[in-house]
Protein backbone atom coordinates (compact mmCIF):
# COMPACT_ATOMS: atom_id res chain seq x y z
CA MET A 1 100.21 13.96 27.49
CA LYS A 2 102.90 14.96 25.25
CA TYR A 3 101.15 17.83 23.92
CA CYS A 4 100.30 18.81 27.42
CA ILE A 5 103.77 18.84 28.61
CA ALA A 6 104.96 20.65 25.67
CA PHE A 7 102.31 23.33 26.42
CA ILE A 8 103.34 23.82 30.00
CA ILE A 9 107.20 23.86 29.08
CA PHE A 10 106.68 26.56 26.51
CA PHE A 11 103.79 28.42 28.04
CA ILE A 12 105.21 29.05 31.46
CA PRO A 13 108.31 31.32 30.40
CA LEU A 14 105.83 33.45 28.45
CA LEU A 15 103.74 33.82 31.46
CA PHE A 16 106.77 34.91 33.58
CA ALA A 17 107.66 37.61 31.24
CA ASN A 18 104.00 39.00 31.24
CA VAL A 19 104.02 38.92 34.99
CA VAL A 20 107.39 40.64 35.39
CA GLN A 21 106.29 43.37 32.91
CA ALA A 22 103.07 43.82 34.70
CA GLN A 23 105.06 43.95 38.10
CA ASP A 24 107.20 46.82 36.70
CA GLU A 25 104.26 49.01 36.03
CA LYS A 26 102.34 48.63 39.37
CA PRO A 27 102.99 46.22 42.26
CA SER A 28 100.33 43.52 42.33
CA PRO A 29 99.09 41.58 45.50
CA VAL A 30 99.19 38.48 43.26
CA GLN A 31 102.64 37.66 42.12
CA PHE A 32 104.05 34.88 40.29
CA HIS A 33 107.69 33.68 39.63
CA GLY A 34 109.71 30.59 39.02
CA SER A 35 112.28 28.75 37.24
CA ASN A 36 112.47 25.97 34.57
CA THR A 37 115.26 23.67 33.76
CA LEU A 38 115.13 21.41 30.62
CA VAL A 39 117.78 18.88 29.94
CA GLY A 40 117.85 16.40 27.02
CA GLN A 41 119.96 14.10 24.92
CA TYR A 42 119.65 12.58 21.57
CA SER A 43 121.99 9.83 20.58
CA ASN A 44 121.85 6.40 18.76
CA MET A 45 124.77 5.10 21.03
CA GLN A 46 124.69 3.62 24.45
CA GLY A 47 127.28 2.07 26.73
CA ILE A 48 127.24 -1.38 27.88
CA GLY A 49 125.05 -2.08 30.94
CA SER A 50 124.20 1.81 31.08
CA GLU A 51 121.05 2.68 32.97
CA ILE A 52 120.62 5.99 30.89
CA PRO A 53 118.70 5.57 27.66
CA PRO A 54 120.40 7.00 24.60
CA SER A 55 117.79 9.56 24.06
CA PHE A 56 116.00 11.17 26.92
CA PHE A 57 114.74 14.59 28.40
CA ARG A 58 114.29 15.91 31.99
CA ASN A 59 112.25 18.93 32.84
CA ASP A 60 112.27 20.45 36.30
CA LEU A 61 109.71 23.36 36.84
CA GLN A 62 109.69 25.41 40.18
CA MET A 63 106.95 27.85 40.65
CA THR A 64 105.94 30.28 43.52
CA LEU A 65 102.52 31.96 43.73
CA SER A 66 102.31 34.87 46.21
CA VAL A 67 98.98 36.20 47.05
CA TYR A 68 99.16 39.28 49.49
CA ASP A 69 102.89 38.03 50.49
CA ILE A 70 101.68 34.37 51.28
CA PRO A 71 103.99 32.06 49.12
CA ILE A 72 102.64 28.93 47.82
CA SER A 73 105.22 26.97 45.94
CA ALA A 74 104.88 24.03 43.48
CA THR A 75 107.44 21.81 41.72
CA PHE A 76 106.66 19.75 38.62
CA PHE A 77 109.28 17.11 37.45
CA ILE A 78 108.93 15.13 34.26
CA THR A 79 111.40 12.82 32.39
CA SER A 80 111.27 10.29 29.59
CA MET A 81 113.94 8.13 31.62
CA GLU A 82 111.26 6.03 33.13
CA ARG A 83 110.93 2.33 32.26
CA ASP A 84 108.64 -0.38 33.07
CA TYR A 85 111.08 -1.95 35.42
CA ARG A 86 111.90 1.28 37.25
CA GLN A 87 109.69 2.95 39.81
CA SER A 88 108.01 6.34 38.76
CA ILE A 89 110.10 9.30 39.18
CA LYS A 90 107.70 11.89 37.84
CA ASN A 91 106.21 14.12 40.55
CA PHE A 92 104.14 17.22 41.32
CA ARG A 93 104.21 18.79 44.70
CA ILE A 94 102.68 21.82 46.32
CA HIS A 95 103.83 23.25 49.48
CA PHE A 96 103.59 26.39 51.62
CA ASP A 97 106.92 28.07 52.39
CA ALA A 98 106.65 29.37 55.80
CA ARG A 99 110.29 30.53 55.89
CA GLU A 100 109.79 32.77 52.91
CA LEU A 101 106.78 34.25 54.31
CA LEU A 102 108.53 35.18 57.71
CA LYS A 103 111.35 36.52 55.58
CA SER A 104 109.03 38.70 53.51
CA LYS A 105 107.48 40.13 56.60
CA GLY A 106 110.81 41.36 57.98
CA LEU A 107 110.99 38.97 60.89
CA GLY A 108 114.52 38.05 60.13
CA ASP A 109 116.76 36.46 57.64
CA ALA A 110 116.39 32.83 56.74
CA GLU A 111 119.13 31.64 59.23
CA ASN A 112 117.81 33.56 62.07
CA ILE A 113 114.20 32.22 61.40
CA ILE A 114 115.48 28.64 61.19
CA SER A 115 117.41 28.92 64.47
CA SER A 116 114.77 30.92 66.32
CA VAL A 117 113.40 27.73 67.89
CA ALA A 118 116.92 26.81 69.22
CA PHE A 119 117.33 30.46 70.61
CA TYR A 120 113.96 30.13 72.39
CA LYS A 121 115.09 26.83 73.80
CA LEU A 122 118.26 28.32 74.92
CA ASN A 123 116.58 31.28 76.64
CA ASN A 124 114.39 28.84 78.50
CA LEU A 125 117.48 26.71 79.65
CA GLU A 126 119.13 29.98 80.78
CA THR A 127 116.08 30.68 82.94
CA VAL A 128 115.95 27.14 84.28
CA LYS A 129 119.77 27.39 85.25
CA GLU A 130 119.19 30.61 86.93
CA GLY A 131 116.35 29.42 88.97
CA LEU A 132 118.44 26.37 89.91
CA MET A 133 121.41 28.31 90.95
CA LYS A 134 119.18 30.56 93.23
CA ALA A 135 117.80 27.38 94.87
CA ASN A 136 121.23 26.04 95.08
CA ASP A 137 122.24 29.21 96.96
CA LEU A 138 119.38 28.88 99.40
CA LEU A 139 120.03 25.23 99.98
CA LYS A 140 123.61 26.13 101.03
CA VAL A 141 122.40 28.74 103.49
CA GLU A 142 119.85 26.28 105.00
CA LEU A 143 122.31 23.51 105.25
CA LEU A 144 124.86 26.01 106.91
CA ASN A 145 122.33 27.05 109.52
CA CYS A 146 121.21 23.56 110.10
CA GLN A 147 124.84 22.41 110.79
CA ARG A 148 125.13 25.38 113.30
CA GLU A 149 122.02 24.11 115.10
CA THR A 150 123.23 20.54 115.01
CA ASP A 151 126.54 21.74 116.61
CA LYS A 152 124.61 23.48 119.34
CA LEU A 153 122.39 20.35 120.04
CA GLN A 154 125.50 18.29 120.09
CA GLN A 155 126.86 20.53 122.87
CA GLU A 156 123.57 20.35 124.91
CA TYR A 157 123.54 16.50 124.22
CA GLN A 158 126.98 16.27 125.80
CA VAL A 159 126.00 18.35 128.57
CA SER A 160 122.87 16.19 129.41
CA LYS A 161 125.15 13.14 129.45
CA LYS A 162 127.57 14.63 131.86
CA GLU A 163 124.73 15.54 134.21
CA LEU A 164 123.59 12.06 134.14
CA GLU A 165 127.07 10.77 135.15
CA ASP A 166 127.14 13.17 138.01
CA ALA A 167 123.67 12.03 139.22
CA LYS A 168 124.73 8.41 138.99
CA LEU A 169 127.88 9.34 141.12
CA LYS A 170 125.78 10.89 143.77
CA LYS A 171 123.44 7.98 143.64
CA ASP A 172 120.22 10.19 143.64
CA ASN A 173 117.63 8.17 142.07
CA ASP A 174 115.34 11.20 141.27
CA ALA A 175 118.19 13.25 139.78
CA VAL A 176 119.19 10.15 137.87
CA GLU A 177 115.72 9.74 136.28
CA GLN A 178 115.45 13.41 135.54
CA ALA A 179 119.07 13.35 133.86
CA LYS A 180 117.93 10.29 131.82
CA ALA A 181 114.83 11.92 130.32
CA LYS A 182 116.91 15.08 129.55
CA VAL A 183 119.46 13.01 127.74
CA GLU A 184 116.61 11.20 125.79
CA GLU A 185 115.05 14.66 124.77
CA ALA A 186 118.43 16.10 123.68
CA LYS A 187 119.34 12.87 121.78
CA SER A 188 115.79 13.06 120.05
CA LYS A 189 116.46 16.76 118.92
CA LEU A 190 119.80 16.03 117.89
CA ASP A 191 118.72 13.05 115.71
CA LYS A 192 116.00 15.03 114.26
CA LYS A 193 118.14 17.99 113.31
CA GLN A 194 120.72 15.73 111.85
CA SER A 195 118.12 14.19 109.65
CA ASN A 196 117.09 17.43 108.34
CA CYS A 197 120.68 18.18 107.64
CA ASP A 198 121.00 15.03 105.72
CA ASN A 199 117.97 15.75 103.61
CA LEU A 200 119.28 19.28 102.72
CA LYS A 201 122.57 17.60 101.69
CA THR A 202 120.67 15.25 99.43
CA LYS A 203 118.62 18.26 97.96
CA LEU A 204 121.73 20.23 97.31
CA ASP A 205 123.44 17.18 95.56
CA GLU A 206 120.51 16.90 93.29
CA ALA A 207 120.46 20.68 92.58
CA LYS A 208 124.13 20.55 91.51
CA ALA A 209 123.36 17.55 89.27
CA ARG A 210 120.40 19.41 87.63
CA ILE A 211 122.56 22.37 87.16
CA GLU A 212 125.28 20.35 85.51
CA GLY A 213 122.69 18.84 83.19
CA THR A 214 121.16 22.05 82.34
CA MET A 215 124.59 23.73 81.50
CA ALA A 216 125.25 20.70 79.34
CA LYS A 217 122.15 21.23 77.43
CA ILE A 218 123.02 24.81 77.09
CA GLU A 219 126.20 23.94 75.45
CA GLN A 220 124.49 21.70 73.10
CA ALA A 221 121.79 24.35 72.17
CA LYS A 222 124.36 26.92 71.36
C-alpha cells in the first residue's frame, strides 16, 4: 500500500508535465489536469492530550479528465493520521462537473449558470403575476357592471313595490295580484344579481391575495 501511494504521489506530477507539454504542441480532445498537496510533519514531541500525532502526512490529490470538453473529476485523500479509535477519513471520489461543462461551452460564467434556475423561476413568477393582474382588471370591470345592473334592478324593485301599494289603496284585487307577482319577480332578479356581485367580490379578493403572494415570491427569488 505504501509503495502504491508513493507511486501515485510522485508519478502524477510527471504525468501533468507530459500532458501540458503535449497540449502546447497540438490541442488534444483528451486533456488531463489537476493539483496535488502534500503536507507532513516529523517530530518526537507531542502536547498533552493532543489529537494530532507527532509524525504524520496528508496528501490531497485533485484530478480532472476532459474528454471532448466533458469534465470528469476525481479527488483522492490519504493520511497517516488515522487510528483504530477514529473513523476512516481516507476517501476517493469521482464526480461529473456539470458547471464546468456549461462554462466551457460558453453558456455563461459560473455565477450565471448557478443562478439560471432562479432566473427561470423569476420569469415564471413574472408571467404568473401578469396573468393575475389581467384577471384582476377583468374582475374589476365585471364587478362594476354588476353593481350598475344591481342599482337598476333595485330601482325596478322599488317601483314594483310602489305599484303594489297603489293597487292596495285602490282595492283592486286583480291589480294587487299582478303587482305582487311583479314585486316577487323583481326581488328574485335583484337577489340573483346581488349574489353574482358577491361572488365577483370574493374572486377579486382572492386574486388580490394571489397577486400579493406572487409578488412576495418574486422578491424572494431576486
